[in-house]
């Protein structure tokens, strides 16, 4: 299946997909397009090095999430994209976009949903909250995307131990390495294989 990866930053989850594809772990996945929500992000360099076409559709250029989502949808449809991965993508998509790719949009979230998720929970904030609450286990979740932030059906989860002395940064790194980068390629391959 032709897959587009939407990014907003460094692209570590994109790199996990690129590495999994290179290792033959995603035979039903064709990484066909990377779209960044802002210019100058490192994820675009990762895409270029991997030979994946990429472009910027800047969120700031659109007056609403609906207008932005329509522009994205038009571009993805024009490229024949069949599935979408949100890999550190920080723009909320419209209900129209979600409906157009129903059960074919994946997101990876750095917690065990339903903990520390929803509007405003992304990046380091998730790990700061986990540490503030004193949880002993956190992790990552790959879920389908719908119109509710982090509200779609859960596909895969993996627990990660919270260690004494963890900072938000050390916990974030361990969750990425032990859970996000493992689960996302596995879930994407599963979705594409079953379509």
Protein backbone atom coordinates (compact mmCIF):
# COMPACT_ATOMS: atom_id res chain seq x y z
CA UNK A 1 0.00 0.00 0.00
CA UNK A 2 1.13 3.54 -0.72
CA UNK A 3 1.68 5.29 2.61
CA UNK A 4 2.17 8.96 3.44
CA UNK A 5 3.93 9.92 6.65
CA UNK A 6 2.96 13.28 8.16
CA UNK A 7 5.61 14.93 10.33
CA UNK A 8 6.24 18.12 12.28
CA UNK A 9 9.73 17.69 13.73
CA UNK A 10 12.84 15.56 13.82
CA UNK A 11 11.34 12.45 12.32
CA UNK A 12 12.58 9.75 14.70
CA UNK A 13 9.42 7.71 14.13
CA UNK A 14 9.78 8.25 10.38
CA UNK A 15 13.32 6.89 10.70
CA UNK A 16 11.98 3.80 12.50
CA UNK A 17 9.68 3.20 9.51
CA UNK A 18 12.50 3.77 7.02
CA UNK A 19 14.74 1.34 8.92
CA UNK A 20 12.00 -1.30 9.18
CA UNK A 21 11.31 -1.03 5.44
CA UNK A 22 15.03 -1.36 4.65
CA UNK A 23 15.19 -4.45 6.88
CA UNK A 24 12.31 -6.07 4.99
CA UNK A 25 9.95 -5.90 7.98
CA UNK A 26 7.17 -4.10 6.09
CA UNK A 27 6.71 -5.93 2.77
CA UNK A 28 3.16 -4.60 2.29
CA UNK A 29 4.17 -0.96 2.87
CA UNK A 30 5.44 1.50 0.27
CA UNK A 31 6.64 4.70 1.94
CA UNK A 32 5.55 7.02 -0.86
CA UNK A 33 5.40 10.54 0.54
CA UNK A 34 6.48 12.57 3.58
CA UNK A 35 4.57 15.78 4.30
CA UNK A 36 5.82 18.26 6.90
CA UNK A 37 3.53 20.76 8.59
CA UNK A 38 6.35 23.31 8.75
CA UNK A 39 9.53 23.99 6.78
CA UNK A 40 13.04 23.17 7.90
CA UNK A 41 12.28 20.12 10.01
CA UNK A 42 14.89 17.36 10.15
CA UNK A 43 12.33 14.75 9.08
CA UNK A 44 12.57 16.20 5.55
CA UNK A 45 16.30 15.42 5.47
CA UNK A 46 15.58 11.87 6.62
CA UNK A 47 13.07 11.46 3.78
CA UNK A 48 15.52 12.85 1.23
CA UNK A 49 18.31 10.50 2.38
CA UNK A 50 15.90 7.57 2.06
CA UNK A 51 14.77 8.64 -1.41
CA UNK A 52 11.17 9.31 -0.34
CA UNK A 53 9.48 12.27 -2.04
CA UNK A 54 8.68 14.99 0.48
CA UNK A 55 7.11 18.40 0.67
CA UNK A 56 5.92 21.04 3.08
CA UNK A 57 2.28 21.96 3.46
CA UNK A 58 2.62 24.55 6.20
CA UNK A 59 -0.20 24.63 8.72
CA UNK A 60 0.36 28.34 9.38
CA UNK A 61 -0.73 29.12 5.81
CA UNK A 62 -4.31 27.97 6.41
CA UNK A 63 -7.02 29.72 8.44
CA UNK A 64 -8.50 26.55 9.98
CA UNK A 65 -7.86 22.87 10.53
CA UNK A 66 -10.59 22.19 7.98
CA UNK A 67 -8.85 24.23 5.27
CA UNK A 68 -5.51 22.63 6.12
CA UNK A 69 -7.00 19.14 6.13
CA UNK A 70 -8.62 19.74 2.73
CA UNK A 71 -5.26 20.77 1.26
CA UNK A 72 -3.61 17.67 2.70
CA UNK A 73 -6.42 15.44 1.51
CA UNK A 74 -6.23 16.83 -2.01
CA UNK A 75 -2.46 16.25 -2.14
CA UNK A 76 -2.63 12.72 -0.74
CA UNK A 77 -5.45 11.69 -3.05
CA UNK A 78 -3.51 13.14 -5.98
CA UNK A 79 -0.60 10.87 -5.09
CA UNK A 80 -2.79 7.77 -4.72
CA UNK A 81 -2.02 7.48 -1.01
CA UNK A 82 -3.89 4.59 0.61
CA UNK A 83 -2.84 4.90 4.27
CA UNK A 84 -1.46 7.66 6.49
CA UNK A 85 0.90 7.66 9.48
CA UNK A 86 1.06 10.56 11.92
CA UNK A 87 4.66 10.46 13.11
CA UNK A 88 5.10 13.34 15.51
CA UNK A 89 2.54 15.31 13.52
CA UNK A 90 1.28 18.15 15.69
CA UNK A 91 -1.68 19.38 13.64
CA UNK A 92 -5.19 18.15 14.38
CA UNK A 93 -6.99 16.79 11.32
CA UNK A 94 -10.62 17.46 10.45
CA UNK A 95 -13.45 14.94 10.69
CA UNK A 96 -13.63 15.05 6.87
CA UNK A 97 -9.98 13.96 6.59
CA UNK A 98 -10.46 11.20 9.16
CA UNK A 99 -13.54 9.92 7.32
CA UNK A 100 -11.70 9.91 3.98
CA UNK A 101 -9.05 7.59 5.45
CA UNK A 102 -11.25 5.79 7.99
CA UNK A 103 -9.34 2.96 9.68
CA UNK A 104 -6.27 3.83 7.58
CA UNK A 105 -4.67 6.60 9.69
CA UNK A 106 -2.24 5.49 12.39
CA UNK A 107 -0.78 7.53 15.22
CA UNK A 108 1.79 6.61 17.82
CA UNK A 109 1.27 8.18 21.24
CA UNK A 110 3.94 8.10 24.00
CA UNK A 111 1.76 6.69 26.78
CA UNK A 112 -0.50 3.77 27.49
CA UNK A 113 -3.80 5.26 26.36
CA UNK A 114 -6.11 6.21 28.10
CA UNK A 115 -3.42 7.66 30.41
CA UNK A 116 -1.90 11.05 29.57
CA UNK A 117 -3.60 11.55 26.22
CA UNK A 118 -5.99 13.88 24.47
CA UNK A 119 -5.77 17.57 23.68
CA UNK A 120 -2.48 19.13 24.76
CA UNK A 121 -0.74 15.83 25.57
CA UNK A 122 2.23 15.47 23.24
CA UNK A 123 6.00 15.50 23.45
CA UNK A 124 7.65 15.97 26.83
CA UNK A 125 4.39 16.96 28.53
CA UNK A 126 3.24 13.33 28.45
CA UNK A 127 6.39 12.19 30.26
CA UNK A 128 6.33 15.10 32.70
CA UNK A 129 2.80 14.11 33.71
CA UNK A 130 3.69 10.43 34.04
CA UNK A 131 6.55 11.34 36.40
CA UNK A 132 4.42 13.85 38.31
CA UNK A 133 1.77 11.19 38.95
CA UNK A 134 4.42 8.68 39.98
CA UNK A 135 3.38 5.89 37.64
CA UNK A 136 5.69 2.88 37.67
CA UNK A 137 4.92 1.83 34.10
CA UNK A 138 4.31 3.92 31.02
CA UNK A 139 4.75 3.03 27.37
CA UNK A 140 3.42 3.73 23.91
CA UNK A 141 0.23 3.12 22.00
CA UNK A 142 -0.40 2.87 18.27
CA UNK A 143 -4.02 3.64 17.50
CA UNK A 144 -6.28 4.46 14.60
CA UNK A 145 -7.10 8.14 14.24
CA UNK A 146 -10.60 9.56 14.33
CA UNK A 147 -11.98 13.03 15.04
CA UNK A 148 -11.28 12.69 18.80
CA UNK A 149 -7.67 13.40 19.79
CA UNK A 150 -6.11 10.03 20.76
CA UNK A 151 -9.62 8.55 20.70
CA UNK A 152 -9.36 5.94 17.96
CA UNK A 153 -9.24 2.18 18.37
CA UNK A 154 -6.04 0.88 19.95
CA UNK A 155 -4.00 -1.44 17.73
CA UNK A 156 -0.88 -2.14 19.82
CA UNK A 157 0.56 -1.13 23.18
CA UNK A 158 3.87 -1.81 24.87
CA UNK A 159 4.76 -1.08 28.48
CA UNK A 160 8.01 0.58 29.52
CA UNK A 161 9.30 0.70 33.09
CA UNK A 162 9.69 4.07 34.79
CA UNK A 163 13.04 4.08 36.59
CA UNK A 164 14.21 5.86 39.71
CA UNK A 165 15.86 9.12 38.69
CA UNK A 166 14.13 9.34 35.32
CA UNK A 167 13.73 12.79 33.83
CA UNK A 168 11.15 13.57 31.17
CA UNK A 169 13.94 13.44 28.61
CA UNK A 170 15.36 10.04 29.67
CA UNK A 171 11.88 8.56 29.89
CA UNK A 172 10.95 9.95 26.49
CA UNK A 173 14.03 8.40 24.90
CA UNK A 174 13.41 4.98 26.48
CA UNK A 175 9.74 4.98 25.45
CA UNK A 176 10.79 5.78 21.87
CA UNK A 177 13.49 3.12 21.73
CA UNK A 178 11.66 0.33 23.55
CA UNK A 179 8.10 0.93 22.38
CA UNK A 180 7.36 3.55 19.71
CA UNK A 181 10.02 2.44 17.22
CA UNK A 182 9.01 -1.20 17.67
CA UNK A 183 5.23 -0.83 17.56
CA UNK A 184 4.77 1.66 14.74
CA UNK A 185 6.32 -0.42 11.93
CA UNK A 186 4.56 -3.54 13.22
CA UNK A 187 1.16 -1.84 13.29
CA UNK A 188 1.61 -0.24 9.87
CA UNK A 189 2.57 -3.55 8.28
CA UNK A 190 -0.44 -5.21 9.92
CA UNK A 191 -2.87 -2.57 8.63
CA UNK A 192 -1.44 -2.67 5.10
CA UNK A 193 -1.33 -6.45 4.99
CA UNK A 194 -4.98 -6.71 6.02
CA UNK A 195 -6.32 -4.10 3.57
